[in-house]
Amino acid sequence: MPLYDCMLLFKPHIEKANLIDLVARVGNHVYKRNGVVTDIKSFGKIHLGYGIKKLDGRHYQGQLMQLTMMTTPNLNKELHYLNKESRLLRWLLVKHRDTKYGLDFVNDEGLRGDFSKYQRNFLYNEEDEVDDDDDDDEDDYVVEETTDK
């Protein structure tokens, strides 16, 4: 299942209990479709770049929340009931891309050729590695031989 972000922009005067109610409804909808809500973030009250016109007037502020979830791709069609929700100014569903980070990025088959033109010691600084251990290992472990008579 792919990872999605659902951004919910609420009207500024909506109470916190009503926010949580709608977020819980979306979360329950995801759970019923065998999905998982992985993260919920609240960005608080934000100022908008332009006014959003609704039936009760034009809004220049809103309360922004983000739900991160793993669910089936047809969730976008199923969330269209949010269009009729009077507490929302806007909502948006964004699919995460298959991005790779760290060693997954370097070990990818298509990228191995890109690093082959560099010398190994250039990438890993192998020539600069110095044993900082001040102990001489040979002197620490002296074995004395004894003869039994």
C-alpha atoms as a PDB file:
ATOM      1  CA  MET A   1       0.000   0.000   0.000  1.00  0.00           C
ATOM      2  CA  PRO A   2       1.354   3.439  -0.865  1.00  0.00           C
ATOM      3  CA  LEU A   3       1.867   6.232   1.639  1.00  0.00           C
ATOM      4  CA  TYR A   4      -0.402   9.296   1.439  1.00  0.00           C
ATOM      5  CA  ASP A   5      -0.628  12.680   3.151  1.00  0.00           C
ATOM      6  CA  CYS A   6      -4.105  14.124   3.661  1.00  0.00           C
ATOM      7  CA  MET A   7      -3.965  17.871   4.283  1.00  0.00           C
ATOM      8  CA  LEU A   8      -7.086  19.300   5.919  1.00  0.00           C
ATOM      9  CA  LEU A   9      -7.585  23.085   6.100  1.00  0.00           C
ATOM     10  CA  PHE A  10     -10.340  23.909   8.580  1.00  0.00           C
ATOM     11  CA  LYS A  11     -12.168  27.177   9.112  1.00  0.00           C
ATOM     12  CA  PRO A  12     -10.449  29.298  11.802  1.00  0.00           C
ATOM     13  CA  HIS A  13     -13.340  29.393  14.280  1.00  0.00           C
ATOM     14  CA  ILE A  14     -13.915  25.611  14.469  1.00  0.00           C
ATOM     15  CA  GLU A  15     -13.458  24.154  17.958  1.00  0.00           C
ATOM     16  CA  LYS A  16     -10.786  21.557  18.635  1.00  0.00           C
ATOM     17  CA  ALA A  17     -13.379  18.855  19.441  1.00  0.00           C
ATOM     18  CA  ASN A  18     -14.937  19.285  15.987  1.00  0.00           C
ATOM     19  CA  LEU A  19     -11.487  19.081  14.363  1.00  0.00           C
ATOM     20  CA  ILE A  20     -10.729  15.828  16.152  1.00  0.00           C
ATOM     21  CA  ASP A  21     -14.166  14.461  15.199  1.00  0.00           C
ATOM     22  CA  LEU A  22     -13.537  14.923  11.477  1.00  0.00           C
ATOM     23  CA  VAL A  23      -9.959  13.614  11.699  1.00  0.00           C
ATOM     24  CA  ALA A  24     -11.272  10.549  13.539  1.00  0.00           C
ATOM     25  CA  ARG A  25     -13.880  10.005  10.798  1.00  0.00           C
ATOM     26  CA  VAL A  26     -11.175  10.046   8.128  1.00  0.00           C
ATOM     27  CA  GLY A  27      -9.008   7.733  10.257  1.00  0.00           C
ATOM     28  CA  ASN A  28     -11.886   5.281  10.742  1.00  0.00           C
ATOM     29  CA  HIS A  29     -12.534   5.335   7.000  1.00  0.00           C
ATOM     30  CA  VAL A  30      -8.882   4.383   6.415  1.00  0.00           C
ATOM     31  CA  TYR A  31      -8.990   1.587   9.041  1.00  0.00           C
ATOM     32  CA  LYS A  32     -12.144   0.098   7.492  1.00  0.00           C
ATOM     33  CA  ARG A  33     -10.226  -0.197   4.199  1.00  0.00           C
ATOM     34  CA  ASN A  34      -7.368  -2.095   5.962  1.00  0.00           C
ATOM     35  CA  GLY A  35      -5.189   1.018   6.008  1.00  0.00           C
ATOM     36  CA  VAL A  36      -3.018   2.482   8.746  1.00  0.00           C
ATOM     37  CA  VAL A  37      -2.743   6.092   9.949  1.00  0.00           C
ATOM     38  CA  THR A  38       0.961   6.515  10.679  1.00  0.00           C
ATOM     39  CA  ASP A  39       1.120  10.164  11.793  1.00  0.00           C
ATOM     40  CA  ILE A  40      -1.136  13.101  12.659  1.00  0.00           C
ATOM     41  CA  LYS A  41       0.256  16.644  12.786  1.00  0.00           C
ATOM     42  CA  SER A  42      -1.448  19.890  13.669  1.00  0.00           C
ATOM     43  CA  PHE A  43       0.126  23.072  12.328  1.00  0.00           C
ATOM     44  CA  GLY A  44      -2.267  25.300  14.280  1.00  0.00           C
ATOM     45  CA  LYS A  45      -3.759  28.506  12.954  1.00  0.00           C
ATOM     46  CA  ILE A  46      -2.120  29.736   9.757  1.00  0.00           C
ATOM     47  CA  HIS A  47      -2.535  32.880   7.671  1.00  0.00           C
ATOM     48  CA  LEU A  48      -3.555  32.228   4.078  1.00  0.00           C
ATOM     49  CA  GLY A  49      -2.026  33.955   1.072  1.00  0.00           C
ATOM     50  CA  TYR A  50      -5.492  34.799  -0.242  1.00  0.00           C
ATOM     51  CA  GLY A  51      -9.044  34.611   1.043  1.00  0.00           C
ATOM     52  CA  ILE A  52     -11.068  31.444   0.469  1.00  0.00           C
ATOM     53  CA  LYS A  53     -14.704  32.248  -0.209  1.00  0.00           C
ATOM     54  CA  LYS A  54     -17.343  30.036   1.392  1.00  0.00           C
ATOM     55  CA  LEU A  55     -21.070  30.514   2.037  1.00  0.00           C
ATOM     56  CA  ASP A  56     -20.387  32.118   5.429  1.00  0.00           C
ATOM     57  CA  GLY A  57     -17.865  34.643   4.072  1.00  0.00           C
ATOM     58  CA  ARG A  58     -14.254  34.954   3.001  1.00  0.00           C
ATOM     59  CA  HIS A  59     -11.596  33.330   5.239  1.00  0.00           C
ATOM     60  CA  TYR A  60      -8.025  34.629   5.510  1.00  0.00           C
ATOM     61  CA  GLN A  61      -6.963  32.205   8.256  1.00  0.00           C
ATOM     62  CA  GLY A  62      -7.351  28.484   8.760  1.00  0.00           C
ATOM     63  CA  GLN A  63      -6.343  25.575  10.955  1.00  0.00           C
ATOM     64  CA  LEU A  64      -4.112  23.098   9.122  1.00  0.00           C
ATOM     65  CA  MET A  65      -3.810  19.390   9.960  1.00  0.00           C
ATOM     66  CA  GLN A  66      -1.902  16.591   8.208  1.00  0.00           C
ATOM     67  CA  LEU A  67      -2.698  12.867   8.314  1.00  0.00           C
ATOM     68  CA  THR A  68      -0.047  10.485   6.998  1.00  0.00           C
ATOM     69  CA  MET A  69      -1.460   7.066   6.121  1.00  0.00           C
ATOM     70  CA  MET A  70      -0.856   3.860   4.223  1.00  0.00           C
ATOM     71  CA  THR A  71      -3.954   2.864   2.312  1.00  0.00           C
ATOM     72  CA  THR A  72      -5.264   1.597  -1.010  1.00  0.00           C
ATOM     73  CA  PRO A  73      -5.076   3.901  -4.048  1.00  0.00           C
ATOM     74  CA  ASN A  74      -8.863   4.193  -4.406  1.00  0.00           C
ATOM     75  CA  LEU A  75      -9.082   6.230  -1.174  1.00  0.00           C
ATOM     76  CA  ASN A  76      -9.002   9.457  -3.207  1.00  0.00           C
ATOM     77  CA  LYS A  77     -12.397   8.656  -4.753  1.00  0.00           C
ATOM     78  CA  GLU A  78     -13.799   7.614  -1.384  1.00  0.00           C
ATOM     79  CA  LEU A  79     -12.833  10.870   0.370  1.00  0.00           C
ATOM     80  CA  HIS A  80     -14.983  13.067  -1.877  1.00  0.00           C
ATOM     81  CA  TYR A  81     -17.565  13.273   0.920  1.00  0.00           C
ATOM     82  CA  LEU A  82     -15.178  15.863   2.410  1.00  0.00           C
ATOM     83  CA  ASN A  83     -16.270  18.302  -0.333  1.00  0.00           C
ATOM     84  CA  LYS A  84     -19.631  18.691   1.423  1.00  0.00           C
ATOM     85  CA  GLU A  85     -18.076  19.157   4.871  1.00  0.00           C
ATOM     86  CA  SER A  86     -18.958  22.640   6.175  1.00  0.00           C
ATOM     87  CA  ARG A  87     -16.023  22.731   8.650  1.00  0.00           C
ATOM     88  CA  LEU A  88     -13.392  22.471   5.871  1.00  0.00           C
ATOM     89  CA  LEU A  89     -12.032  25.191   3.626  1.00  0.00           C
ATOM     90  CA  ARG A  90      -9.910  22.818   1.504  1.00  0.00           C
ATOM     91  CA  TRP A  91      -8.554  19.266   1.560  1.00  0.00           C
ATOM     92  CA  LEU A  92      -5.805  17.632  -0.464  1.00  0.00           C
ATOM     93  CA  LEU A  93      -4.538  14.066  -0.791  1.00  0.00           C
ATOM     94  CA  VAL A  94      -0.882  13.708  -1.843  1.00  0.00           C
ATOM     95  CA  LYS A  95       0.809  10.399  -2.673  1.00  0.00           C
ATOM     96  CA  HIS A  96       4.396   9.935  -1.497  1.00  0.00           C
ATOM     97  CA  ARG A  97       6.867   9.067  -4.225  1.00  0.00           C
ATOM     98  CA  ASP A  98       9.192   6.075  -4.084  1.00  0.00           C
ATOM     99  CA  THR A  99      12.162   8.041  -2.830  1.00  0.00           C
ATOM    100  CA  LYS A 100      15.255   6.301  -1.565  1.00  0.00           C
ATOM    101  CA  TYR A 101      17.611   7.678   1.041  1.00  0.00           C
ATOM    102  CA  GLY A 102      21.068   6.824   2.349  1.00  0.00           C
ATOM    103  CA  LEU A 103      22.487   3.434   1.464  1.00  0.00           C
ATOM    104  CA  ASP A 104      19.370   2.417  -0.455  1.00  0.00           C
ATOM    105  CA  PHE A 105      20.115   5.297  -2.833  1.00  0.00           C
ATOM    106  CA  VAL A 106      23.784   4.362  -3.253  1.00  0.00           C
ATOM    107  CA  ASN A 107      23.201   0.607  -3.543  1.00  0.00           C
ATOM    108  CA  ASP A 108      20.562   0.999  -6.236  1.00  0.00           C
ATOM    109  CA  GLU A 109      21.543  -0.966  -9.347  1.00  0.00           C
ATOM    110  CA  GLY A 110      21.174   2.013 -11.665  1.00  0.00           C
ATOM    111  CA  LEU A 111      23.549   4.177  -9.660  1.00  0.00           C
ATOM    112  CA  ARG A 112      26.517   1.835  -9.271  1.00  0.00           C
ATOM    113  CA  GLY A 113      28.026   2.932 -12.567  1.00  0.00           C
ATOM    114  CA  ASP A 114      27.942   6.566 -11.495  1.00  0.00           C
ATOM    115  CA  PHE A 115      30.412   5.982  -8.657  1.00  0.00           C
ATOM    116  CA  SER A 116      32.706   3.611 -10.541  1.00  0.00           C
ATOM    117  CA  LYS A 117      34.700   6.479 -12.074  1.00  0.00           C
ATOM    118  CA  TYR A 118      35.941   7.521  -8.617  1.00  0.00           C
ATOM    119  CA  GLN A 119      38.769   5.749  -6.875  1.00  0.00           C
ATOM    120  CA  ARG A 120      37.828   3.863  -3.742  1.00  0.00           C
ATOM    121  CA  ASN A 121      40.275   5.771  -1.548  1.00  0.00           C
ATOM    122  CA  PHE A 122      38.794   9.046  -2.826  1.00  0.00           C
ATOM    123  CA  LEU A 123      35.290   8.072  -1.701  1.00  0.00           C
ATOM    124  CA  TYR A 124      36.203   6.548   1.640  1.00  0.00           C
ATOM    125  CA  ASN A 125      39.435   8.403   2.582  1.00  0.00           C
ATOM    126  CA  GLU A 126      41.252   5.144   3.180  1.00  0.00           C
ATOM    127  CA  GLU A 127      44.716   6.687   2.894  1.00  0.00           C
ATOM    128  CA  ASP A 128      43.987   9.107   5.731  1.00  0.00           C
ATOM    129  CA  GLU A 129      43.047   6.396   8.171  1.00  0.00           C
ATOM    130  CA  VAL A 130      45.631   6.125  10.935  1.00  0.00           C
ATOM    131  CA  ASP A 131      45.542   3.722  13.840  1.00  0.00           C
ATOM    132  CA  ASP A 132      45.030   6.053  16.791  1.00  0.00           C
ATOM    133  CA  ASP A 133      45.537   3.196  19.229  1.00  0.00           C
ATOM    134  CA  ASP A 134      48.608   4.077  21.306  1.00  0.00           C
ATOM    135  CA  ASP A 135      48.969   0.571  22.661  1.00  0.00           C
ATOM    136  CA  ASP A 136      51.414  -1.802  21.088  1.00  0.00           C
ATOM    137  CA  ASP A 137      49.469  -5.019  20.959  1.00  0.00           C
ATOM    138  CA  GLU A 138      52.576  -7.182  20.714  1.00  0.00           C
ATOM    139  CA  ASP A 139      54.004  -5.931  24.022  1.00  0.00           C
ATOM    140  CA  ASP A 140      50.824  -6.461  26.000  1.00  0.00           C
ATOM    141  CA  TYR A 141      50.600 -10.193  25.493  1.00  0.00           C
ATOM    142  CA  VAL A 142      53.958 -11.693  26.352  1.00  0.00           C
ATOM    143  CA  VAL A 143      53.851 -15.417  26.964  1.00  0.00           C
ATOM    144  CA  GLU A 144      56.452 -16.837  29.271  1.00  0.00           C
ATOM    145  CA  GLU A 145      57.432 -20.436  28.875  1.00  0.00           C
ATOM    146  CA  THR A 146      58.060 -22.443  32.008  1.00  0.00           C
ATOM    147  CA  THR A 147      59.563 -25.851  32.217  1.00  0.00           C
ATOM    148  CA  ASP A 148      58.271 -28.261  34.791  1.00  0.00           C
ATOM    149  CA  LYS A 149      60.806 -30.639  36.315  1.00  0.00           C
END
